[in-house]
Amino acid sequence: MNSLWIPVSLTAAFFQTWRTALQQKLRGQLSVGAAGFTRYLYAIPAGLVLLGVAELITGLPLPALNPRFVLLCAAGGLGQIFGTVLLIAAFGHRNFVVGTAYSKTESIQSGFIAWITLGEALRPGAWLGIAVAVGGVLVLSLAGARMRPRDILAASFQPAALCGLGAGFAFSVTSVLIKLANESLGRAHPIFQALVVLVTTNILQTLMQGAWMAWRDREQLLATLRLWRRAWLVGVLSACGSACWFTGFALAPVALVRTVGQVEMVFTLVFSRFYLRERPSRSDVLGLLLIVAGVTIILFLGT
């Protein structure tokens, strides 16, 4: 297994944390859907630049975009949109904290889905690391709720939890579809191909969600264009982050990439501590240590 996937996954998590922080600033002027749309729309120019640079470096021609590739990119892009919608839907229910926490089971779901569809069998150490890391994410997600185990169990059958699980499932399926799209181009250069997948997927996502917004929410669609000076960096960070995610999927099992990417939670805590001057709670520290421990177990016992 090419070890490049490890720094690539960590970099993806960093870009995602940064992009999410900037995207939250748009929420005051854009709807949830429109704020999400900016990451696809403004990622296209950035993705094209990255692809152009990769083409110059590798000297490879653009691959032929066969129908299977386009279909996989469209399905993967749609899965990401649905996952985002389900996650947002969890916020509209009571116990939305549980819904958010359940969406973080994505790495476990990815492991099973990739095993069934791609035959990606993981070592016992990898499963142990995934379980520990997901436990850390759950501790962080549920820390502010102060919920007892029986409260969490009761909330697990409510709409928020179902939306969270659905979001995790949609994101997991998206990861597998993106990997399949990359493989459908052959095996000439996984990083170059990942950028082709990125640009194609972003274009299709922009067309799909843009058409929906033009029909149902034209004012917000126009607002995303008016606010380009504030939104363009969101697109750049999204393109960089997705390029790293897609490269990671091409180089290593999906579940491992997603689990290592959970250090996004660690980056968020570090940002809140040193930039916002917020003091982490004991549960925050425990969750952080569990995530780091889980990732460490994967790196030493799961690869």
C-alpha atoms as a PDB file:
ATOM      1  CA  MET A   1       0.000   0.000   0.000  1.00  0.00           C
ATOM      2  CA  ASN A   2       1.415   3.407  -0.982  1.00  0.00           C
ATOM      3  CA  SER A   3       2.045   5.355   2.249  1.00  0.00           C
ATOM      4  CA  LEU A   4       1.333   8.652   0.456  1.00  0.00           C
ATOM      5  CA  TRP A   5      -2.327   8.235   1.430  1.00  0.00           C
ATOM      6  CA  ILE A   6      -1.521   9.137   5.058  1.00  0.00           C
ATOM      7  CA  PRO A   7      -0.278  12.740   4.565  1.00  0.00           C
ATOM      8  CA  VAL A   8      -2.858  13.174   1.802  1.00  0.00           C
ATOM      9  CA  SER A   9      -5.700  12.222   4.180  1.00  0.00           C
ATOM     10  CA  LEU A  10      -4.372  14.507   6.924  1.00  0.00           C
ATOM     11  CA  THR A  11      -4.127  17.375   4.447  1.00  0.00           C
ATOM     12  CA  ALA A  12      -7.680  16.707   3.274  1.00  0.00           C
ATOM     13  CA  ALA A  13      -8.916  16.965   6.859  1.00  0.00           C
ATOM     14  CA  PHE A  14      -7.066  20.266   7.310  1.00  0.00           C
ATOM     15  CA  PHE A  15      -8.553  21.796   4.158  1.00  0.00           C
ATOM     16  CA  GLN A  16     -12.026  20.563   5.143  1.00  0.00           C
ATOM     17  CA  THR A  17     -11.764  22.175   8.585  1.00  0.00           C
ATOM     18  CA  TRP A  18     -10.666  25.478   7.064  1.00  0.00           C
ATOM     19  CA  ARG A  19     -13.375  25.358   4.388  1.00  0.00           C
ATOM     20  CA  THR A  20     -16.097  24.587   6.939  1.00  0.00           C
ATOM     21  CA  ALA A  21     -15.033  27.533   9.089  1.00  0.00           C
ATOM     22  CA  LEU A  22     -15.254  29.917   6.125  1.00  0.00           C
ATOM     23  CA  GLN A  23     -18.491  28.385   4.919  1.00  0.00           C
ATOM     24  CA  GLN A  24     -20.126  29.090   8.269  1.00  0.00           C
ATOM     25  CA  LYS A  25     -19.508  32.806   7.713  1.00  0.00           C
ATOM     26  CA  LEU A  26     -21.673  32.655   4.580  1.00  0.00           C
ATOM     27  CA  ARG A  27     -24.609  31.262   6.533  1.00  0.00           C
ATOM     28  CA  GLY A  28     -25.632  34.758   7.605  1.00  0.00           C
ATOM     29  CA  GLN A  29     -26.234  35.768   3.982  1.00  0.00           C
ATOM     30  CA  LEU A  30     -27.076  32.480   2.297  1.00  0.00           C
ATOM     31  CA  SER A  31     -29.402  29.589   2.992  1.00  0.00           C
ATOM     32  CA  VAL A  32     -27.934  26.252   4.031  1.00  0.00           C
ATOM     33  CA  GLY A  33     -28.349  24.868   0.511  1.00  0.00           C
ATOM     34  CA  ALA A  34     -26.844  27.943  -1.148  1.00  0.00           C
ATOM     35  CA  ALA A  35     -23.858  27.954   1.216  1.00  0.00           C
ATOM     36  CA  GLY A  36     -23.265  24.334   0.266  1.00  0.00           C
ATOM     37  CA  PHE A  37     -23.677  25.124  -3.422  1.00  0.00           C
ATOM     38  CA  THR A  38     -20.773  27.582  -3.330  1.00  0.00           C
ATOM     39  CA  ARG A  39     -18.323  24.772  -2.587  1.00  0.00           C
ATOM     40  CA  TYR A  40     -19.212  23.056  -5.883  1.00  0.00           C
ATOM     41  CA  LEU A  41     -19.597  26.149  -8.058  1.00  0.00           C
ATOM     42  CA  TYR A  42     -16.371  27.886  -7.066  1.00  0.00           C
ATOM     43  CA  ALA A  43     -14.391  24.664  -6.844  1.00  0.00           C
ATOM     44  CA  ILE A  44     -14.570  24.234 -10.629  1.00  0.00           C
ATOM     45  CA  PRO A  45     -12.015  26.960 -11.564  1.00  0.00           C
ATOM     46  CA  ALA A  46      -9.668  25.817  -8.778  1.00  0.00           C
ATOM     47  CA  GLY A  47     -10.029  22.202  -9.860  1.00  0.00           C
ATOM     48  CA  LEU A  48      -9.250  23.098 -13.472  1.00  0.00           C
ATOM     49  CA  VAL A  49      -6.074  24.903 -12.368  1.00  0.00           C
ATOM     50  CA  LEU A  50      -4.966  21.888 -10.304  1.00  0.00           C
ATOM     51  CA  LEU A  51      -5.728  19.584 -13.213  1.00  0.00           C
ATOM     52  CA  GLY A  52      -3.799  21.795 -15.629  1.00  0.00           C
ATOM     53  CA  VAL A  53      -0.751  21.810 -13.338  1.00  0.00           C
ATOM     54  CA  ALA A  54      -0.951  18.014 -12.937  1.00  0.00           C
ATOM     55  CA  GLU A  55      -1.179  17.607 -16.707  1.00  0.00           C
ATOM     56  CA  LEU A  56       1.964  19.712 -17.210  1.00  0.00           C
ATOM     57  CA  ILE A  57       3.878  17.793 -14.537  1.00  0.00           C
ATOM     58  CA  THR A  58       2.867  14.276 -15.592  1.00  0.00           C
ATOM     59  CA  GLY A  59       2.705  14.914 -19.331  1.00  0.00           C
ATOM     60  CA  LEU A  60      -0.372  12.695 -19.477  1.00  0.00           C
ATOM     61  CA  PRO A  61      -3.240  13.492 -21.855  1.00  0.00           C
ATOM     62  CA  LEU A  62      -6.747  13.864 -20.527  1.00  0.00           C
ATOM     63  CA  PRO A  63      -8.390  10.423 -20.453  1.00  0.00           C
ATOM     64  CA  ALA A  64     -11.496   9.645 -22.464  1.00  0.00           C
ATOM     65  CA  LEU A  65     -14.581  10.135 -20.298  1.00  0.00           C
ATOM     66  CA  ASN A  66     -16.539   6.948 -20.853  1.00  0.00           C
ATOM     67  CA  PRO A  67     -20.266   6.735 -19.936  1.00  0.00           C
ATOM     68  CA  ARG A  68     -19.560   4.538 -16.870  1.00  0.00           C
ATOM     69  CA  PHE A  69     -17.151   7.141 -15.520  1.00  0.00           C
ATOM     70  CA  VAL A  70     -19.623   9.995 -15.976  1.00  0.00           C
ATOM     71  CA  LEU A  71     -22.416   7.970 -14.355  1.00  0.00           C
ATOM     72  CA  LEU A  72     -20.238   7.115 -11.351  1.00  0.00           C
ATOM     73  CA  CYS A  73     -19.211  10.763 -10.914  1.00  0.00           C
ATOM     74  CA  ALA A  74     -22.843  11.896 -11.150  1.00  0.00           C
ATOM     75  CA  ALA A  75     -23.978   9.267  -8.639  1.00  0.00           C
ATOM     76  CA  GLY A  76     -21.125  10.112  -6.277  1.00  0.00           C
ATOM     77  CA  GLY A  77     -21.831  13.825  -6.517  1.00  0.00           C
ATOM     78  CA  LEU A  78     -25.532  13.263  -5.923  1.00  0.00           C
ATOM     79  CA  GLY A  79     -24.722  11.065  -2.931  1.00  0.00           C
ATOM     80  CA  GLN A  80     -22.672  13.859  -1.402  1.00  0.00           C
ATOM     81  CA  ILE A  81     -25.533  16.322  -1.922  1.00  0.00           C
ATOM     82  CA  PHE A  82     -28.044  13.935  -0.329  1.00  0.00           C
ATOM     83  CA  GLY A  83     -25.675  13.274   2.568  1.00  0.00           C
ATOM     84  CA  THR A  84     -25.405  16.991   3.224  1.00  0.00           C
ATOM     85  CA  VAL A  85     -29.193  17.405   3.052  1.00  0.00           C
ATOM     86  CA  LEU A  86     -29.745  14.525   5.509  1.00  0.00           C
ATOM     87  CA  LEU A  87     -27.187  15.953   7.908  1.00  0.00           C
ATOM     88  CA  ILE A  88     -28.891  19.334   7.789  1.00  0.00           C
ATOM     89  CA  ALA A  89     -32.259  17.592   8.271  1.00  0.00           C
ATOM     90  CA  ALA A  90     -30.928  16.154  11.533  1.00  0.00           C
ATOM     91  CA  PHE A  91     -30.586  19.721  12.821  1.00  0.00           C
ATOM     92  CA  GLY A  92     -34.342  20.209  12.430  1.00  0.00           C
ATOM     93  CA  HIS A  93     -35.192  17.474  14.930  1.00  0.00           C
ATOM     94  CA  ARG A  94     -34.817  17.158  18.648  1.00  0.00           C
ATOM     95  CA  ASN A  95     -31.643  15.393  19.758  1.00  0.00           C
ATOM     96  CA  PHE A  96     -29.889  16.684  16.668  1.00  0.00           C
ATOM     97  CA  VAL A  97     -26.604  16.178  18.546  1.00  0.00           C
ATOM     98  CA  VAL A  98     -27.220  12.436  18.394  1.00  0.00           C
ATOM     99  CA  GLY A  99     -27.973  12.753  14.681  1.00  0.00           C
ATOM    100  CA  THR A 100     -24.662  14.506  14.108  1.00  0.00           C
ATOM    101  CA  ALA A 101     -22.834  11.879  16.151  1.00  0.00           C
ATOM    102  CA  TYR A 102     -24.428   9.048  14.195  1.00  0.00           C
ATOM    103  CA  SER A 103     -23.320  10.629  10.925  1.00  0.00           C
ATOM    104  CA  LYS A 104     -19.763  10.176  12.165  1.00  0.00           C
ATOM    105  CA  THR A 105     -20.172   6.401  11.884  1.00  0.00           C
ATOM    106  CA  GLU A 106     -19.312   7.014   8.233  1.00  0.00           C
ATOM    107  CA  SER A 107     -15.902   5.354   8.543  1.00  0.00           C
ATOM    108  CA  ILE A 108     -17.410   2.128   9.912  1.00  0.00           C
ATOM    109  CA  GLN A 109     -20.121   2.125   7.247  1.00  0.00           C
ATOM    110  CA  SER A 110     -17.454   2.808   4.612  1.00  0.00           C
ATOM    111  CA  GLY A 111     -15.543  -0.237   5.789  1.00  0.00           C
ATOM    112  CA  PHE A 112     -18.504  -2.570   5.323  1.00  0.00           C
ATOM    113  CA  ILE A 113     -19.670  -1.026   2.035  1.00  0.00           C
ATOM    114  CA  ALA A 114     -16.152  -1.091   0.538  1.00  0.00           C
ATOM    115  CA  TRP A 115     -15.711  -4.679   1.729  1.00  0.00           C
ATOM    116  CA  ILE A 116     -18.954  -5.763   0.023  1.00  0.00           C
ATOM    117  CA  THR A 117     -18.564  -3.781  -3.206  1.00  0.00           C
ATOM    118  CA  LEU A 118     -14.795  -3.471  -3.651  1.00  0.00           C
ATOM    119  CA  GLY A 119     -13.535  -6.464  -1.700  1.00  0.00           C
ATOM    120  CA  GLU A 120     -11.441  -4.213   0.560  1.00  0.00           C
ATOM    121  CA  ALA A 121     -10.822  -6.562   3.485  1.00  0.00           C
ATOM    122  CA  LEU A 122      -9.256  -4.789   6.477  1.00  0.00           C
ATOM    123  CA  ARG A 123      -6.935  -6.226   9.080  1.00  0.00           C
ATOM    124  CA  PRO A 124      -8.241  -6.708  12.648  1.00  0.00           C
ATOM    125  CA  GLY A 125      -5.951  -3.878  13.761  1.00  0.00           C
ATOM    126  CA  ALA A 126      -7.603  -1.563  11.255  1.00  0.00           C
ATOM    127  CA  TRP A 127     -11.083  -2.374  12.568  1.00  0.00           C
ATOM    128  CA  LEU A 128      -9.859  -1.796  16.130  1.00  0.00           C
ATOM    129  CA  GLY A 129      -8.418   1.585  15.163  1.00  0.00           C
ATOM    130  CA  ILE A 130     -11.616   2.568  13.356  1.00  0.00           C
ATOM    131  CA  ALA A 131     -13.725   1.626  16.403  1.00  0.00           C
ATOM    132  CA  VAL A 132     -11.489   3.608  18.788  1.00  0.00           C
ATOM    133  CA  ALA A 133     -11.439   6.673  16.524  1.00  0.00           C
ATOM    134  CA  VAL A 134     -15.215   6.602  16.022  1.00  0.00           C
ATOM    135  CA  GLY A 135     -15.599   6.308  19.799  1.00  0.00           C
ATOM    136  CA  GLY A 136     -13.544   9.464  20.157  1.00  0.00           C
ATOM    137  CA  VAL A 137     -15.682  11.296  17.603  1.00  0.00           C
ATOM    138  CA  LEU A 138     -18.844  10.225  19.434  1.00  0.00           C
ATOM    139  CA  VAL A 139     -17.414  11.505  22.722  1.00  0.00           C
ATOM    140  CA  LEU A 140     -16.700  14.869  21.109  1.00  0.00           C
ATOM    141  CA  SER A 141     -20.083  15.025  19.375  1.00  0.00           C
ATOM    142  CA  LEU A 142     -22.077  14.149  22.485  1.00  0.00           C
ATOM    143  CA  ALA A 143     -19.965  16.035  25.013  1.00  0.00           C
ATOM    144  CA  GLY A 144     -22.211  19.063  25.272  1.00  0.00           C
ATOM    145  CA  ALA A 145     -25.388  17.014  25.490  1.00  0.00           C
ATOM    146  CA  ARG A 146     -24.535  15.286  28.806  1.00  0.00           C
ATOM    147  CA  MET A 147     -26.663  12.342  27.816  1.00  0.00           C
ATOM    148  CA  ARG A 148     -26.692   9.074  29.709  1.00  0.00           C
ATOM    149  CA  PRO A 149     -26.341   5.790  27.788  1.00  0.00           C
ATOM    150  CA  ARG A 150     -30.067   5.077  28.081  1.00  0.00           C
ATOM    151  CA  ASP A 151     -30.861   8.562  26.744  1.00  0.00           C
ATOM    152  CA  ILE A 152     -28.635   7.924  23.731  1.00  0.00           C
ATOM    153  CA  LEU A 153     -30.263   4.532  23.182  1.00  0.00           C
ATOM    154  CA  ALA A 154     -33.745   6.076  23.290  1.00  0.00           C
ATOM    155  CA  ALA A 155     -32.711   8.838  20.899  1.00  0.00           C
ATOM    156  CA  SER A 156     -31.244   6.283  18.488  1.00  0.00           C
ATOM    157  CA  PHE A 157     -34.709   5.449  17.180  1.00  0.00           C
ATOM    158  CA  GLN A 158     -35.767   9.048  16.609  1.00  0.00           C
ATOM    159  CA  PRO A 159     -35.681  10.899  13.246  1.00  0.00           C
ATOM    160  CA  ALA A 160     -32.495  12.812  14.055  1.00  0.00           C
ATOM    161  CA  ALA A 161     -30.510   9.610  14.538  1.00  0.00           C
ATOM    162  CA  LEU A 162     -31.978   8.078  11.378  1.00  0.00           C
ATOM    163  CA  CYS A 163     -31.039  11.184   9.403  1.00  0.00           C
ATOM    164  CA  GLY A 164     -27.533  11.013  10.854  1.00  0.00           C
ATOM    165  CA  LEU A 165     -27.130   7.357   9.914  1.00  0.00           C
ATOM    166  CA  GLY A 166     -28.526   8.121   6.466  1.00  0.00           C
ATOM    167  CA  ALA A 167     -26.009  10.945   6.032  1.00  0.00           C
ATOM    168  CA  GLY A 168     -23.156   8.660   7.042  1.00  0.00           C
ATOM    169  CA  PHE A 169     -24.394   6.027   4.614  1.00  0.00           C
ATOM    170  CA  ALA A 170     -24.673   8.544   1.763  1.00  0.00           C
ATOM    171  CA  PHE A 171     -21.149   9.842   2.372  1.00  0.00           C
ATOM    172  CA  SER A 172     -19.846   6.268   2.539  1.00  0.00           C
ATOM    173  CA  VAL A 173     -21.472   5.349  -0.765  1.00  0.00           C
ATOM    174  CA  THR A 174     -20.082   8.546  -2.275  1.00  0.00           C
ATOM    175  CA  SER A 175     -16.548   7.552  -1.268  1.00  0.00           C
ATOM    176  CA  VAL A 176     -16.914   4.127  -2.898  1.00  0.00           C
ATOM    177  CA  LEU A 177     -18.414   5.583  -6.085  1.00  0.00           C
ATOM    178  CA  ILE A 178     -15.593   8.120  -6.371  1.00  0.00           C
ATOM    179  CA  LYS A 179     -13.026   5.338  -6.035  1.00  0.00           C
ATOM    180  CA  LEU A 180     -14.797   3.320  -8.721  1.00  0.00           C
ATOM    181  CA  ALA A 181     -14.866   6.380 -10.984  1.00  0.00           C
ATOM    182  CA  ASN A 182     -11.107   6.762 -10.607  1.00  0.00           C
ATOM    183  CA  GLU A 183     -10.522   3.075 -11.378  1.00  0.00           C
ATOM    184  CA  SER A 184     -12.761   3.252 -14.452  1.00  0.00           C
ATOM    185  CA  LEU A 185     -10.169   5.537 -16.062  1.00  0.00           C
ATOM    186  CA  GLY A 186      -7.491   2.855 -15.800  1.00  0.00           C
ATOM    187  CA  ARG A 187      -4.418   2.949 -13.601  1.00  0.00           C
ATOM    188  CA  ALA A 188      -2.120   5.379 -15.399  1.00  0.00           C
ATOM    189  CA  HIS A 189      -1.712   7.903 -12.556  1.00  0.00           C
ATOM    190  CA  PRO A 190      -4.110   7.864  -9.550  1.00  0.00           C
ATOM    191  CA  ILE A 191      -3.473  11.501  -8.527  1.00  0.00           C
ATOM    192  CA  PHE A 192      -3.969  12.874 -12.041  1.00  0.00           C
ATOM    193  CA  GLN A 193      -7.092  10.741 -12.405  1.00  0.00           C
ATOM    194  CA  ALA A 194      -8.371  11.929  -9.014  1.00  0.00           C
ATOM    195  CA  LEU A 195      -8.261  15.503 -10.321  1.00  0.00           C
ATOM    196  CA  VAL A 196     -10.187  14.462 -13.441  1.00  0.00           C
ATOM    197  CA  VAL A 197     -12.800  12.887 -11.152  1.00  0.00           C
ATOM    198  CA  LEU A 198     -12.872  16.044  -9.021  1.00  0.00           C
ATOM    199  CA  VAL A 199     -13.512  18.457 -11.885  1.00  0.00           C
ATOM    200  CA  THR A 200     -16.095  16.192 -13.518  1.00  0.00           C
ATOM    201  CA  THR A 201     -17.951  15.631 -10.245  1.00  0.00           C
ATOM    202  CA  ASN A 202     -17.965  19.332  -9.332  1.00  0.00           C
ATOM    203  CA  ILE A 203     -19.334  20.275 -12.755  1.00  0.00           C
ATOM    204  CA  LEU A 204     -22.102  17.676 -12.479  1.00  0.00           C
ATOM    205  CA  GLN A 205     -22.929  18.742  -8.905  1.00  0.00           C
ATOM    206  CA  THR A 206     -23.128  22.369  -9.981  1.00  0.00           C
ATOM    207  CA  LEU A 207     -25.471  21.472 -12.846  1.00  0.00           C
ATOM    208  CA  MET A 208     -27.682  19.249 -10.682  1.00  0.00           C
ATOM    209  CA  GLN A 209     -28.008  21.509  -7.658  1.00  0.00           C
ATOM    210  CA  GLY A 210     -27.945  24.659  -9.777  1.00  0.00           C
ATOM    211  CA  ALA A 211     -30.896  23.407 -11.826  1.00  0.00           C
ATOM    212  CA  TRP A 212     -32.806  22.608  -8.633  1.00  0.00           C
ATOM    213  CA  MET A 213     -32.138  26.044  -7.159  1.00  0.00           C
ATOM    214  CA  ALA A 214     -33.055  27.776 -10.428  1.00  0.00           C
ATOM    215  CA  TRP A 215     -36.416  26.040 -10.183  1.00  0.00           C
ATOM    216  CA  ARG A 216     -37.096  26.306  -6.442  1.00  0.00           C
ATOM    217  CA  ASP A 217     -34.866  29.065  -5.022  1.00  0.00           C
ATOM    218  CA  ARG A 218     -33.688  31.420  -7.755  1.00  0.00           C
ATOM    219  CA  GLU A 219     -32.987  34.307  -5.375  1.00  0.00           C
ATOM    220  CA  GLN A 220     -30.485  32.261  -3.394  1.00  0.00           C
ATOM    221  CA  LEU A 221     -28.872  31.049  -6.605  1.00  0.00           C
ATOM    222  CA  LEU A 222     -28.319  34.664  -7.659  1.00  0.00           C
ATOM    223  CA  ALA A 223     -27.026  35.458  -4.177  1.00  0.00           C
ATOM    224  CA  THR A 224     -24.236  32.891  -4.552  1.00  0.00           C
ATOM    225  CA  LEU A 225     -23.103  34.795  -7.645  1.00  0.00           C
ATOM    226  CA  ARG A 226     -23.301  38.222  -5.994  1.00  0.00           C
ATOM    227  CA  LEU A 227     -21.192  37.052  -3.058  1.00  0.00           C
ATOM    228  CA  TRP A 228     -18.384  35.619  -5.172  1.00  0.00           C
ATOM    229  CA  ARG A 229     -15.760  37.730  -3.389  1.00  0.00           C
ATOM    230  CA  ARG A 230     -16.546  35.924  -0.128  1.00  0.00           C
ATOM    231  CA  ALA A 231     -17.338  32.539  -1.638  1.00  0.00           C
ATOM    232  CA  TRP A 232     -14.435  31.917  -4.007  1.00  0.00           C
ATOM    233  CA  LEU A 233     -12.036  30.841  -1.241  1.00  0.00           C
ATOM    234  CA  VAL A 234     -14.581  28.285  -0.031  1.00  0.00           C
ATOM    235  CA  GLY A 235     -14.463  26.763  -3.501  1.00  0.00           C
ATOM    236  CA  VAL A 236     -10.657  26.762  -3.600  1.00  0.00           C
ATOM    237  CA  LEU A 237     -10.403  25.011  -0.230  1.00  0.00           C
ATOM    238  CA  SER A 238     -13.133  22.569  -1.251  1.00  0.00           C
ATOM    239  CA  ALA A 239     -11.257  21.716  -4.439  1.00  0.00           C
ATOM    240  CA  CYS A 240      -7.986  21.202  -2.582  1.00  0.00           C
ATOM    241  CA  GLY A 241      -9.652  19.103   0.101  1.00  0.00           C
ATOM    242  CA  SER A 242     -11.585  16.951  -2.361  1.00  0.00           C
ATOM    243  CA  ALA A 243      -8.479  16.461  -4.485  1.00  0.00           C
ATOM    244  CA  CYS A 244      -6.750  15.039  -1.420  1.00  0.00           C
ATOM    245  CA  TRP A 245      -9.743  12.868  -0.450  1.00  0.00           C
ATOM    246  CA  PHE A 246     -10.073  11.456  -3.970  1.00  0.00           C
ATOM    247  CA  THR A 247      -6.333  10.785  -4.132  1.00  0.00           C
ATOM    248  CA  GLY A 248      -6.494   8.994  -0.787  1.00  0.00           C
ATOM    249  CA  PHE A 249      -9.366   6.801  -2.006  1.00  0.00           C
ATOM    250  CA  ALA A 250      -7.284   5.824  -5.041  1.00  0.00           C
ATOM    251  CA  LEU A 251      -4.278   4.833  -2.925  1.00  0.00           C
ATOM    252  CA  ALA A 252      -5.775   3.095   0.129  1.00  0.00           C
ATOM    253  CA  PRO A 253      -8.960   1.464   1.469  1.00  0.00           C
ATOM    254  CA  VAL A 254     -11.788   3.977   1.784  1.00  0.00           C
ATOM    255  CA  ALA A 255     -12.436   3.268   5.481  1.00  0.00           C
ATOM    256  CA  LEU A 256      -8.819   3.927   6.452  1.00  0.00           C
ATOM    257  CA  VAL A 257      -8.759   7.234   4.576  1.00  0.00           C
ATOM    258  CA  ARG A 258     -12.003   8.358   6.193  1.00  0.00           C
ATOM    259  CA  THR A 259     -10.864   7.327   9.667  1.00  0.00           C
ATOM    260  CA  VAL A 260      -7.546   9.141   9.438  1.00  0.00           C
ATOM    261  CA  GLY A 261      -9.559  12.090   8.158  1.00  0.00           C
ATOM    262  CA  GLN A 262     -11.391  12.177  11.488  1.00  0.00           C
ATOM    263  CA  VAL A 263      -8.472  14.256  12.762  1.00  0.00           C
ATOM    264  CA  GLU A 264     -10.601  17.077  11.354  1.00  0.00           C
ATOM    265  CA  MET A 265     -12.176  17.067  14.830  1.00  0.00           C
ATOM    266  CA  VAL A 266      -8.718  17.498  16.362  1.00  0.00           C
ATOM    267  CA  PHE A 267      -7.944  20.434  14.052  1.00  0.00           C
ATOM    268  CA  THR A 268     -11.253  22.017  15.029  1.00  0.00           C
ATOM    269  CA  LEU A 269     -10.438  21.743  18.743  1.00  0.00           C
ATOM    270  CA  VAL A 270      -6.950  23.154  18.210  1.00  0.00           C
ATOM    271  CA  PHE A 271      -8.453  26.053  16.241  1.00  0.00           C
ATOM    272  CA  SER A 272     -10.997  26.792  18.983  1.00  0.00           C
ATOM    273  CA  ARG A 273      -8.283  26.652  21.661  1.00  0.00           C
ATOM    274  CA  PHE A 274      -5.600  28.823  20.092  1.00  0.00           C
ATOM    275  CA  TYR A 275      -7.659  31.100  17.842  1.00  0.00           C
ATOM    276  CA  LEU A 276     -10.937  31.480  19.696  1.00  0.00           C
ATOM    277  CA  ARG A 277      -9.301  31.075  23.125  1.00  0.00           C
ATOM    278  CA  GLU A 278     -11.858  28.463  24.199  1.00  0.00           C
ATOM    279  CA  ARG A 279     -10.804  26.040  26.917  1.00  0.00           C
ATOM    280  CA  PRO A 280     -11.461  22.372  26.043  1.00  0.00           C
ATOM    281  CA  SER A 281     -13.454  20.288  28.511  1.00  0.00           C
ATOM    282  CA  ARG A 282     -12.342  16.947  29.906  1.00  0.00           C
ATOM    283  CA  SER A 283     -14.588  15.143  27.450  1.00  0.00           C
ATOM    284  CA  ASP A 284     -13.008  17.145  24.609  1.00  0.00           C
ATOM    285  CA  VAL A 285      -9.556  16.010  25.675  1.00  0.00           C
ATOM    286  CA  LEU A 286     -10.748  12.399  26.043  1.00  0.00           C
ATOM    287  CA  GLY A 287     -12.322  12.439  22.581  1.00  0.00           C
ATOM    288  CA  LEU A 288      -9.193  13.964  21.071  1.00  0.00           C
ATOM    289  CA  LEU A 289      -6.970  11.311  22.671  1.00  0.00           C
ATOM    290  CA  LEU A 290      -9.238   8.513  21.444  1.00  0.00           C
ATOM    291  CA  ILE A 291      -9.138   9.812  17.862  1.00  0.00           C
ATOM    292  CA  VAL A 292      -5.353  10.096  17.950  1.00  0.00           C
ATOM    293  CA  ALA A 293      -5.120   6.619  19.498  1.00  0.00           C
ATOM    294  CA  GLY A 294      -7.407   5.162  16.834  1.00  0.00           C
ATOM    295  CA  VAL A 295      -5.418   6.694  13.995  1.00  0.00           C
ATOM    296  CA  THR A 296      -2.174   5.502  15.583  1.00  0.00           C
ATOM    297  CA  ILE A 297      -3.522   1.940  15.860  1.00  0.00           C
ATOM    298  CA  ILE A 298      -4.461   2.026  12.160  1.00  0.00           C
ATOM    299  CA  LEU A 299      -1.037   3.259  11.106  1.00  0.00           C
ATOM    300  CA  PHE A 300       0.871   0.658  13.120  1.00  0.00           C
ATOM    301  CA  LEU A 301      -1.459  -2.340  13.108  1.00  0.00           C
ATOM    302  CA  GLY A 302      -3.893  -1.795  10.252  1.00  0.00           C
ATOM    303  CA  THR A 303      -1.665  -1.111   7.232  1.00  0.00           C
END
